[in-house]
Amino acid sequence: MRDSGYVTPATISPTAHYTGFVWARHGLSHPALVTAEGRALFHLLRPAAAIGGALGAPYIESVLMTRHRLIDLRLSEAIESGRITQVVEIAAGLSPRGWQFSQRYADRLTYIEADLPGMTLRKREALARIGPLAPNHRVVDLDALADDGPESLAALVATLDATQGVAIVTEGLLNYFNEDVVRGIWQRFARALVRFPRGVYWSDLHLSSETRGPGVGTFVKLLSIFVKGRVSLHFTSAEQASAALRESGFTAASLLDPRDFSAQLGDIPNGVSRHVRIIEARATGQA
């Protein structure tokens, strides 16, 4: 997609391998979801991450862990309350969330992991090494930029139970696209969720006003080189991002600060909360 900020699957996938290794390194994942690419990339980037930390940037591992755990927390609360019984995780990569939640909630939950075909093939192979999928756990091909067609979100949600609540989750996706593409993604998500009695969307987001400083700037530049594309920071403030979500069709939206959940999450490393927020947006008034 020319001039859209679109990053090809080949350039997005290295970060999926990297984060997959980080989750396993900290005990949040299964060894079968670790790849040789992820291990190699982690050790390759470790010196640069240490330099960024010395210059004042948060360690990328801390950011990845904090955002993952806060999304897990909010999603778990929604499932346990009965508000959400169906989850679509888009650009799921090597995330352990689908496997873990399917094991934890069993027949209380339908969990669909969606990604581009190359990554879904790797994910199915990895999950097969763990064991058979839970009956309500699926891995499917999906293009988050498609408005229609068999690999679109619209086609996928048409297969869900229209009487039950649905959550859409993305993690580590948005900053690879420019603002116009992100708004288009949000519009597709809102249109998909409004079909259901309860619909909620969770994602991480980095604000430009909170992603400053010599160490952070160095890391953002490094990441841009790493994925062979520009890493985009679309919004200056939480208010601006929330307004954009509402303009995209969500009925309510807020950006969660990890510091507000320190009691549930435990210790949050110093500085991490300044550099990541979690979107929580509803497409109905009930979720």
C-alpha atoms as a PDB file:
ATOM      1  CA  MET A   1       0.000   0.000   0.000  1.00  0.00           C
ATOM      2  CA  ARG A   2       1.940   3.024  -1.239  1.00  0.00           C
ATOM      3  CA  ASP A   3       2.506   5.954   1.154  1.00  0.00           C
ATOM      4  CA  SER A   4       0.163   4.448   3.732  1.00  0.00           C
ATOM      5  CA  GLY A   5       2.744   3.493   6.288  1.00  0.00           C
ATOM      6  CA  TYR A   6       1.924  -0.137   5.604  1.00  0.00           C
ATOM      7  CA  VAL A   7       4.613  -2.558   6.679  1.00  0.00           C
ATOM      8  CA  THR A   8       4.804  -5.837   4.815  1.00  0.00           C
ATOM      9  CA  PRO A   9       4.342  -9.168   6.610  1.00  0.00           C
ATOM     10  CA  ALA A  10       8.049  -9.921   6.204  1.00  0.00           C
ATOM     11  CA  THR A  11       8.968  -6.804   8.173  1.00  0.00           C
ATOM     12  CA  ILE A  12       6.332  -7.152  10.876  1.00  0.00           C
ATOM     13  CA  SER A  13       7.148 -10.784  11.651  1.00  0.00           C
ATOM     14  CA  PRO A  14      10.609 -10.160  13.225  1.00  0.00           C
ATOM     15  CA  THR A  15       8.948  -8.281  16.077  1.00  0.00           C
ATOM     16  CA  ALA A  16       6.512 -11.171  16.558  1.00  0.00           C
ATOM     17  CA  HIS A  17       9.471 -13.518  17.014  1.00  0.00           C
ATOM     18  CA  TYR A  18      11.154 -11.069  19.399  1.00  0.00           C
ATOM     19  CA  THR A  19       8.122 -10.546  21.618  1.00  0.00           C
ATOM     20  CA  GLY A  20       7.413 -14.275  21.604  1.00  0.00           C
ATOM     21  CA  PHE A  21      10.837 -14.865  23.103  1.00  0.00           C
ATOM     22  CA  VAL A  22      10.396 -12.109  25.708  1.00  0.00           C
ATOM     23  CA  TRP A  23       7.069 -13.537  26.913  1.00  0.00           C
ATOM     24  CA  ALA A  24       8.607 -16.993  27.334  1.00  0.00           C
ATOM     25  CA  ARG A  25      11.721 -15.585  28.995  1.00  0.00           C
ATOM     26  CA  HIS A  26       9.517 -14.081  31.705  1.00  0.00           C
ATOM     27  CA  GLY A  27       7.366 -17.158  32.219  1.00  0.00           C
ATOM     28  CA  LEU A  28       4.279 -15.918  30.376  1.00  0.00           C
ATOM     29  CA  SER A  29       4.452 -18.354  27.475  1.00  0.00           C
ATOM     30  CA  HIS A  30       5.161 -21.940  26.469  1.00  0.00           C
ATOM     31  CA  PRO A  31       8.608 -22.960  25.155  1.00  0.00           C
ATOM     32  CA  ALA A  32       6.950 -24.249  21.975  1.00  0.00           C
ATOM     33  CA  LEU A  33       6.096 -20.646  21.076  1.00  0.00           C
ATOM     34  CA  VAL A  34       9.768 -19.619  21.109  1.00  0.00           C
ATOM     35  CA  THR A  35      11.561 -19.526  17.763  1.00  0.00           C
ATOM     36  CA  ALA A  36      15.236 -19.529  16.897  1.00  0.00           C
ATOM     37  CA  GLU A  37      14.676 -16.182  15.176  1.00  0.00           C
ATOM     38  CA  GLY A  38      13.236 -14.693  18.353  1.00  0.00           C
ATOM     39  CA  ARG A  39      16.107 -15.892  20.515  1.00  0.00           C
ATOM     40  CA  ALA A  40      18.699 -14.584  18.055  1.00  0.00           C
ATOM     41  CA  LEU A  41      16.999 -11.194  17.693  1.00  0.00           C
ATOM     42  CA  PHE A  42      16.718 -10.782  21.445  1.00  0.00           C
ATOM     43  CA  HIS A  43      20.428 -11.289  21.959  1.00  0.00           C
ATOM     44  CA  LEU A  44      21.273  -9.146  18.931  1.00  0.00           C
ATOM     45  CA  LEU A  45      19.255  -6.195  20.244  1.00  0.00           C
ATOM     46  CA  ARG A  46      20.123  -6.589  23.911  1.00  0.00           C
ATOM     47  CA  PRO A  47      23.170  -4.252  23.841  1.00  0.00           C
ATOM     48  CA  ALA A  48      21.173  -1.514  22.072  1.00  0.00           C
ATOM     49  CA  ALA A  49      18.339  -1.885  24.595  1.00  0.00           C
ATOM     50  CA  ALA A  50      20.855  -1.540  27.422  1.00  0.00           C
ATOM     51  CA  ILE A  51      22.247   1.653  25.881  1.00  0.00           C
ATOM     52  CA  GLY A  52      18.731   3.052  25.583  1.00  0.00           C
ATOM     53  CA  GLY A  53      18.117   2.227  29.240  1.00  0.00           C
ATOM     54  CA  ALA A  54      21.296   4.015  30.263  1.00  0.00           C
ATOM     55  CA  LEU A  55      20.082   7.090  28.361  1.00  0.00           C
ATOM     56  CA  GLY A  56      16.748   7.096  30.172  1.00  0.00           C
ATOM     57  CA  ALA A  57      14.495   4.886  28.067  1.00  0.00           C
ATOM     58  CA  PRO A  58      12.507   2.091  29.732  1.00  0.00           C
ATOM     59  CA  TYR A  59      13.749  -1.379  28.967  1.00  0.00           C
ATOM     60  CA  ILE A  60      11.710  -2.745  26.093  1.00  0.00           C
ATOM     61  CA  GLU A  61      11.122  -5.983  27.997  1.00  0.00           C
ATOM     62  CA  SER A  62       9.390  -4.034  30.771  1.00  0.00           C
ATOM     63  CA  VAL A  63       7.155  -2.230  28.280  1.00  0.00           C
ATOM     64  CA  LEU A  64       6.211  -5.484  26.540  1.00  0.00           C
ATOM     65  CA  MET A  65       5.433  -7.228  29.816  1.00  0.00           C
ATOM     66  CA  THR A  66       3.419  -4.347  31.257  1.00  0.00           C
ATOM     67  CA  ARG A  67       1.178  -3.930  28.214  1.00  0.00           C
ATOM     68  CA  HIS A  68       0.628  -7.683  27.898  1.00  0.00           C
ATOM     69  CA  ARG A  69      -0.307  -8.144  31.548  1.00  0.00           C
ATOM     70  CA  LEU A  70      -2.697  -5.179  31.615  1.00  0.00           C
ATOM     71  CA  ILE A  71      -4.547  -6.415  28.519  1.00  0.00           C
ATOM     72  CA  ASP A  72      -4.722  -9.870  30.127  1.00  0.00           C
ATOM     73  CA  LEU A  73      -6.108  -8.347  33.314  1.00  0.00           C
ATOM     74  CA  ARG A  74      -8.892  -6.378  31.642  1.00  0.00           C
ATOM     75  CA  LEU A  75      -9.830  -9.220  29.308  1.00  0.00           C
ATOM     76  CA  SER A  76      -9.929 -11.716  32.190  1.00  0.00           C
ATOM     77  CA  GLU A  77     -12.232  -9.456  34.187  1.00  0.00           C
ATOM     78  CA  ALA A  78     -14.620  -9.134  31.236  1.00  0.00           C
ATOM     79  CA  ILE A  79     -14.693 -12.900  30.651  1.00  0.00           C
ATOM     80  CA  GLU A  80     -15.176 -13.769  34.305  1.00  0.00           C
ATOM     81  CA  SER A  81     -18.057 -11.304  34.596  1.00  0.00           C
ATOM     82  CA  GLY A  82     -19.769 -12.981  31.626  1.00  0.00           C
ATOM     83  CA  ARG A  83     -19.726  -9.822  29.514  1.00  0.00           C
ATOM     84  CA  ILE A  84     -17.351 -11.333  26.950  1.00  0.00           C
ATOM     85  CA  THR A  85     -17.539 -14.924  25.696  1.00  0.00           C
ATOM     86  CA  GLN A  86     -15.825 -14.503  22.294  1.00  0.00           C
ATOM     87  CA  VAL A  87     -12.373 -13.046  21.571  1.00  0.00           C
ATOM     88  CA  VAL A  88     -10.720 -12.196  18.264  1.00  0.00           C
ATOM     89  CA  GLU A  89      -7.010 -11.439  18.640  1.00  0.00           C
ATOM     90  CA  ILE A  90      -5.771  -9.779  15.448  1.00  0.00           C
ATOM     91  CA  ALA A  91      -2.086  -9.948  14.498  1.00  0.00           C
ATOM     92  CA  ALA A  92      -1.762 -12.525  17.283  1.00  0.00           C
ATOM     93  CA  GLY A  93       1.735 -13.526  16.209  1.00  0.00           C
ATOM     94  CA  LEU A  94       3.332 -15.846  18.753  1.00  0.00           C
ATOM     95  CA  SER A  95       1.309 -14.526  21.678  1.00  0.00           C
ATOM     96  CA  PRO A  96       0.457 -17.155  24.310  1.00  0.00           C
ATOM     97  CA  ARG A  97      -2.857 -15.478  25.152  1.00  0.00           C
ATOM     98  CA  GLY A  98      -5.098 -17.624  22.943  1.00  0.00           C
ATOM     99  CA  TRP A  99      -3.609 -20.875  24.229  1.00  0.00           C
ATOM    100  CA  GLN A 100      -3.670 -19.745  27.868  1.00  0.00           C
ATOM    101  CA  PHE A 101      -7.188 -18.317  27.853  1.00  0.00           C
ATOM    102  CA  SER A 102      -8.593 -21.325  25.992  1.00  0.00           C
ATOM    103  CA  GLN A 103      -7.095 -23.613  28.630  1.00  0.00           C
ATOM    104  CA  ARG A 104      -8.244 -21.417  31.507  1.00  0.00           C
ATOM    105  CA  TYR A 105     -11.827 -20.786  30.417  1.00  0.00           C
ATOM    106  CA  ALA A 106     -12.486 -23.915  28.325  1.00  0.00           C
ATOM    107  CA  ASP A 107     -16.064 -24.034  27.018  1.00  0.00           C
ATOM    108  CA  ARG A 108     -16.876 -20.626  28.536  1.00  0.00           C
ATOM    109  CA  LEU A 109     -14.890 -18.942  25.767  1.00  0.00           C
ATOM    110  CA  THR A 110     -14.431 -18.967  21.998  1.00  0.00           C
ATOM    111  CA  TYR A 111     -10.948 -17.682  21.142  1.00  0.00           C
ATOM    112  CA  ILE A 112      -9.888 -16.915  17.572  1.00  0.00           C
ATOM    113  CA  GLU A 113      -6.301 -15.982  16.776  1.00  0.00           C
ATOM    114  CA  ALA A 114      -6.002 -14.175  13.451  1.00  0.00           C
ATOM    115  CA  ASP A 115      -2.967 -13.158  11.442  1.00  0.00           C
ATOM    116  CA  LEU A 116      -1.505 -13.155   7.955  1.00  0.00           C
ATOM    117  CA  PRO A 117      -1.008 -16.604   6.382  1.00  0.00           C
ATOM    118  CA  GLY A 118       2.734 -16.995   6.973  1.00  0.00           C
ATOM    119  CA  MET A 119       2.407 -16.279  10.669  1.00  0.00           C
ATOM    120  CA  THR A 120      -0.689 -18.434  11.157  1.00  0.00           C
ATOM    121  CA  LEU A 121       1.189 -21.383   9.664  1.00  0.00           C
ATOM    122  CA  ARG A 122       3.981 -20.921  12.206  1.00  0.00           C
ATOM    123  CA  LYS A 123       1.444 -20.522  15.009  1.00  0.00           C
ATOM    124  CA  ARG A 124      -0.456 -23.696  14.125  1.00  0.00           C
ATOM    125  CA  GLU A 125       2.800 -25.657  14.009  1.00  0.00           C
ATOM    126  CA  ALA A 126       3.860 -24.274  17.398  1.00  0.00           C
ATOM    127  CA  LEU A 127       0.504 -24.990  19.029  1.00  0.00           C
ATOM    128  CA  ALA A 128       0.526 -28.528  17.613  1.00  0.00           C
ATOM    129  CA  ARG A 129       3.774 -29.142  19.513  1.00  0.00           C
ATOM    130  CA  ILE A 130       1.938 -28.249  22.743  1.00  0.00           C
ATOM    131  CA  GLY A 131      -1.016 -30.520  22.045  1.00  0.00           C
ATOM    132  CA  PRO A 132      -4.497 -30.491  20.502  1.00  0.00           C
ATOM    133  CA  LEU A 133      -6.291 -27.151  20.409  1.00  0.00           C
ATOM    134  CA  ALA A 134      -9.211 -26.643  22.754  1.00  0.00           C
ATOM    135  CA  PRO A 135     -12.528 -27.142  20.914  1.00  0.00           C
ATOM    136  CA  ASN A 136     -13.289 -23.408  20.842  1.00  0.00           C
ATOM    137  CA  HIS A 137      -9.764 -22.265  19.937  1.00  0.00           C
ATOM    138  CA  ARG A 138      -9.051 -21.461  16.279  1.00  0.00           C
ATOM    139  CA  VAL A 139      -6.195 -19.934  14.283  1.00  0.00           C
ATOM    140  CA  VAL A 140      -7.345 -18.247  11.063  1.00  0.00           C
ATOM    141  CA  ASP A 141      -5.953 -16.137   8.234  1.00  0.00           C
ATOM    142  CA  LEU A 142      -7.015 -12.488   8.353  1.00  0.00           C
ATOM    143  CA  ASP A 143      -6.002  -9.205   6.727  1.00  0.00           C
ATOM    144  CA  ALA A 144      -6.758  -6.318   9.096  1.00  0.00           C
ATOM    145  CA  LEU A 145      -6.755  -3.911   6.125  1.00  0.00           C
ATOM    146  CA  ALA A 146      -9.448  -5.766   4.153  1.00  0.00           C
ATOM    147  CA  ASP A 147     -12.963  -4.307   4.120  1.00  0.00           C
ATOM    148  CA  ASP A 148     -14.518  -7.469   2.720  1.00  0.00           C
ATOM    149  CA  GLY A 149     -13.694 -10.887   1.340  1.00  0.00           C
ATOM    150  CA  PRO A 150     -12.999 -14.248   3.008  1.00  0.00           C
ATOM    151  CA  GLU A 151      -9.997 -12.977   5.005  1.00  0.00           C
ATOM    152  CA  SER A 152     -11.697  -9.811   6.270  1.00  0.00           C
ATOM    153  CA  LEU A 153     -12.787  -9.137   9.832  1.00  0.00           C
ATOM    154  CA  ALA A 154     -16.342  -8.637   8.587  1.00  0.00           C
ATOM    155  CA  ALA A 155     -16.409 -12.204   7.257  1.00  0.00           C
ATOM    156  CA  LEU A 156     -14.888 -13.591  10.439  1.00  0.00           C
ATOM    157  CA  VAL A 157     -17.302 -11.968  12.902  1.00  0.00           C
ATOM    158  CA  ALA A 158     -20.226 -13.178  10.784  1.00  0.00           C
ATOM    159  CA  THR A 159     -19.346 -16.676  12.059  1.00  0.00           C
ATOM    160  CA  LEU A 160     -19.689 -15.674  15.745  1.00  0.00           C
ATOM    161  CA  ASP A 161     -22.704 -15.913  18.049  1.00  0.00           C
ATOM    162  CA  ALA A 162     -24.590 -12.639  17.565  1.00  0.00           C
ATOM    163  CA  THR A 163     -26.194 -12.926  21.015  1.00  0.00           C
ATOM    164  CA  GLN A 164     -22.911 -12.904  22.962  1.00  0.00           C
ATOM    165  CA  GLY A 165     -20.273 -10.297  23.792  1.00  0.00           C
ATOM    166  CA  VAL A 166     -17.119  -9.986  21.678  1.00  0.00           C
ATOM    167  CA  ALA A 167     -13.680  -8.541  22.371  1.00  0.00           C
ATOM    168  CA  ILE A 168     -11.110  -7.563  19.761  1.00  0.00           C
ATOM    169  CA  VAL A 169      -7.491  -7.489  20.925  1.00  0.00           C
ATOM    170  CA  THR A 170      -4.376  -6.240  19.170  1.00  0.00           C
ATOM    171  CA  GLU A 171      -0.926  -5.925  20.670  1.00  0.00           C
ATOM    172  CA  GLY A 172       2.091  -4.350  19.027  1.00  0.00           C
ATOM    173  CA  LEU A 173       0.272  -3.586  15.777  1.00  0.00           C
ATOM    174  CA  LEU A 174      -0.785   0.048  15.479  1.00  0.00           C
ATOM    175  CA  ASN A 175       2.547   1.848  15.392  1.00  0.00           C
ATOM    176  CA  TYR A 176       3.510   0.216  12.094  1.00  0.00           C
ATOM    177  CA  PHE A 177       0.834   2.182  10.210  1.00  0.00           C
ATOM    178  CA  ASN A 178       0.207   5.852   9.600  1.00  0.00           C
ATOM    179  CA  GLU A 179      -2.768   7.599  11.173  1.00  0.00           C
ATOM    180  CA  ASP A 180      -5.106   7.228   8.190  1.00  0.00           C
ATOM    181  CA  VAL A 181      -4.547   3.470   8.104  1.00  0.00           C
ATOM    182  CA  VAL A 182      -5.011   3.212  11.879  1.00  0.00           C
ATOM    183  CA  ARG A 183      -8.302   5.099  11.680  1.00  0.00           C
ATOM    184  CA  GLY A 184      -9.422   2.722   8.924  1.00  0.00           C
ATOM    185  CA  ILE A 185      -8.562  -0.261  11.125  1.00  0.00           C
ATOM    186  CA  TRP A 186     -10.509   1.267  14.010  1.00  0.00           C
ATOM    187  CA  GLN A 187     -13.531   1.849  11.765  1.00  0.00           C
ATOM    188  CA  ARG A 188     -13.507  -1.837  10.746  1.00  0.00           C
ATOM    189  CA  PHE A 189     -13.256  -2.874  14.386  1.00  0.00           C
ATOM    190  CA  ALA A 190     -16.136  -0.606  15.454  1.00  0.00           C
ATOM    191  CA  ARG A 191     -18.353  -1.839  12.600  1.00  0.00           C
ATOM    192  CA  ALA A 192     -17.602  -5.428  13.583  1.00  0.00           C
ATOM    193  CA  LEU A 193     -18.292  -4.963  17.293  1.00  0.00           C
ATOM    194  CA  VAL A 194     -21.511  -2.992  16.941  1.00  0.00           C
ATOM    195  CA  ARG A 195     -23.219  -6.159  15.665  1.00  0.00           C
ATOM    196  CA  PHE A 196     -23.035  -7.658  19.163  1.00  0.00           C
ATOM    197  CA  PRO A 197     -24.790  -6.806  22.434  1.00  0.00           C
ATOM    198  CA  ARG A 198     -21.431  -6.078  24.073  1.00  0.00           C
ATOM    199  CA  GLY A 199     -18.265  -5.161  22.224  1.00  0.00           C
ATOM    200  CA  VAL A 200     -14.919  -3.987  23.557  1.00  0.00           C
ATOM    201  CA  TYR A 201     -11.512  -3.371  21.988  1.00  0.00           C
ATOM    202  CA  TRP A 202      -8.148  -3.473  23.757  1.00  0.00           C
ATOM    203  CA  SER A 203      -4.793  -2.477  22.307  1.00  0.00           C
ATOM    204  CA  ASP A 204      -1.542  -0.866  23.316  1.00  0.00           C
ATOM    205  CA  LEU A 205      -0.761   2.653  22.084  1.00  0.00           C
ATOM    206  CA  HIS A 206       2.245   4.942  22.419  1.00  0.00           C
ATOM    207  CA  LEU A 207       1.675   8.712  22.584  1.00  0.00           C
ATOM    208  CA  SER A 208       4.203  11.053  21.013  1.00  0.00           C
ATOM    209  CA  SER A 209       4.184  13.389  24.031  1.00  0.00           C
ATOM    210  CA  GLU A 210       5.131  10.499  26.315  1.00  0.00           C
ATOM    211  CA  THR A 211       7.706   8.915  24.043  1.00  0.00           C
ATOM    212  CA  ARG A 212      10.478  11.465  24.218  1.00  0.00           C
ATOM    213  CA  GLY A 213      14.017  11.717  25.486  1.00  0.00           C
ATOM    214  CA  PRO A 214      17.390  10.700  24.034  1.00  0.00           C
ATOM    215  CA  GLY A 215      17.089   7.060  25.061  1.00  0.00           C
ATOM    216  CA  VAL A 216      13.546   6.672  23.755  1.00  0.00           C
ATOM    217  CA  GLY A 217      14.356   8.429  20.499  1.00  0.00           C
ATOM    218  CA  THR A 218      17.310   6.137  19.951  1.00  0.00           C
ATOM    219  CA  PHE A 219      15.166   3.069  20.529  1.00  0.00           C
ATOM    220  CA  VAL A 220      12.392   4.243  18.187  1.00  0.00           C
ATOM    221  CA  LYS A 221      14.970   4.828  15.444  1.00  0.00           C
ATOM    222  CA  LEU A 222      16.467   1.414  16.079  1.00  0.00           C
ATOM    223  CA  LEU A 223      13.063  -0.232  15.877  1.00  0.00           C
ATOM    224  CA  SER A 224      12.330   1.572  12.601  1.00  0.00           C
ATOM    225  CA  ILE A 225      15.514   0.146  11.106  1.00  0.00           C
ATOM    226  CA  PHE A 226      14.737  -3.254  12.591  1.00  0.00           C
ATOM    227  CA  VAL A 227      11.328  -3.495  10.884  1.00  0.00           C
ATOM    228  CA  LYS A 228      12.549  -1.724   7.723  1.00  0.00           C
ATOM    229  CA  GLY A 229       9.862   0.917   8.016  1.00  0.00           C
ATOM    230  CA  ARG A 230       8.878   4.043   9.940  1.00  0.00           C
ATOM    231  CA  VAL A 231       7.405   3.547  13.410  1.00  0.00           C
ATOM    232  CA  SER A 232       4.497   5.982  13.691  1.00  0.00           C
ATOM    233  CA  LEU A 233       3.369   7.839  16.823  1.00  0.00           C
ATOM    234  CA  HIS A 234      -0.027   9.184  15.823  1.00  0.00           C
ATOM    235  CA  PHE A 235      -1.435  11.078  18.784  1.00  0.00           C
ATOM    236  CA  THR A 236      -0.051  13.592  21.246  1.00  0.00           C
ATOM    237  CA  SER A 237      -2.453  13.009  24.123  1.00  0.00           C
ATOM    238  CA  ALA A 238      -4.880  10.459  25.510  1.00  0.00           C
ATOM    239  CA  GLU A 239      -7.712  12.896  24.815  1.00  0.00           C
ATOM    240  CA  GLN A 240      -6.751  13.181  21.152  1.00  0.00           C
ATOM    241  CA  ALA A 241      -6.541   9.404  20.740  1.00  0.00           C
ATOM    242  CA  SER A 242      -9.868   8.867  22.521  1.00  0.00           C
ATOM    243  CA  ALA A 243     -11.524  11.432  20.265  1.00  0.00           C
ATOM    244  CA  ALA A 244     -10.152   9.649  17.182  1.00  0.00           C
ATOM    245  CA  LEU A 245     -11.579   6.358  18.430  1.00  0.00           C
ATOM    246  CA  ARG A 246     -15.015   7.914  18.912  1.00  0.00           C
ATOM    247  CA  GLU A 247     -14.809   9.496  15.458  1.00  0.00           C
ATOM    248  CA  SER A 248     -14.077   6.001  14.114  1.00  0.00           C
ATOM    249  CA  GLY A 249     -17.360   4.655  15.489  1.00  0.00           C
ATOM    250  CA  PHE A 250     -16.708   3.643  19.096  1.00  0.00           C
ATOM    251  CA  THR A 251     -19.291   4.882  21.578  1.00  0.00           C
ATOM    252  CA  ALA A 252     -16.778   5.285  24.411  1.00  0.00           C
ATOM    253  CA  ALA A 253     -12.999   5.183  24.603  1.00  0.00           C
ATOM    254  CA  SER A 254     -10.269   5.734  27.154  1.00  0.00           C
ATOM    255  CA  LEU A 255      -6.543   5.123  27.469  1.00  0.00           C
ATOM    256  CA  LEU A 256      -5.612   3.186  30.588  1.00  0.00           C
ATOM    257  CA  ASP A 257      -2.517   4.138  32.587  1.00  0.00           C
ATOM    258  CA  PRO A 258      -0.679   1.085  33.979  1.00  0.00           C
ATOM    259  CA  ARG A 259       0.007   2.984  37.209  1.00  0.00           C
ATOM    260  CA  ASP A 260      -3.714   2.858  37.992  1.00  0.00           C
ATOM    261  CA  PHE A 261      -3.510  -0.950  38.092  1.00  0.00           C
ATOM    262  CA  SER A 262      -0.316  -1.355  40.104  1.00  0.00           C
ATOM    263  CA  ALA A 263      -2.162  -3.212  42.879  1.00  0.00           C
ATOM    264  CA  GLN A 264      -3.239  -5.922  40.416  1.00  0.00           C
ATOM    265  CA  LEU A 265      -0.111  -5.930  38.263  1.00  0.00           C
ATOM    266  CA  GLY A 266       2.460  -5.709  41.035  1.00  0.00           C
ATOM    267  CA  ASP A 267       5.601  -3.652  40.635  1.00  0.00           C
ATOM    268  CA  ILE A 268       5.709  -1.569  37.456  1.00  0.00           C
ATOM    269  CA  PRO A 269       9.291  -0.639  36.541  1.00  0.00           C
ATOM    270  CA  ASN A 270      10.072   3.041  36.867  1.00  0.00           C
ATOM    271  CA  GLY A 271       9.194   4.982  33.749  1.00  0.00           C
ATOM    272  CA  VAL A 272       7.311   2.240  31.911  1.00  0.00           C
ATOM    273  CA  SER A 273       3.873   3.757  32.448  1.00  0.00           C
ATOM    274  CA  ARG A 274       4.947   6.958  30.706  1.00  0.00           C
ATOM    275  CA  HIS A 275       5.632   5.087  27.500  1.00  0.00           C
ATOM    276  CA  VAL A 276       2.629   2.831  26.981  1.00  0.00           C
ATOM    277  CA  ARG A 277      -1.126   3.149  27.339  1.00  0.00           C
ATOM    278  CA  ILE A 278      -3.866   0.560  26.827  1.00  0.00           C
ATOM    279  CA  ILE A 279      -6.855   1.474  24.675  1.00  0.00           C
ATOM    280  CA  GLU A 280     -10.199   0.368  26.073  1.00  0.00           C
ATOM    281  CA  ALA A 281     -12.980   1.234  23.639  1.00  0.00           C
ATOM    282  CA  ARG A 282     -16.613   0.144  23.376  1.00  0.00           C
ATOM    283  CA  ALA A 283     -18.798  -0.058  20.292  1.00  0.00           C
ATOM    284  CA  THR A 284     -21.937  -0.406  22.430  1.00  0.00           C
ATOM    285  CA  GLY A 285     -22.854   1.060  25.784  1.00  0.00           C
ATOM    286  CA  GLN A 286     -22.922  -2.276  27.591  1.00  0.00           C
ATOM    287  CA  ALA A 287     -19.432  -3.844  27.615  1.00  0.00           C
END
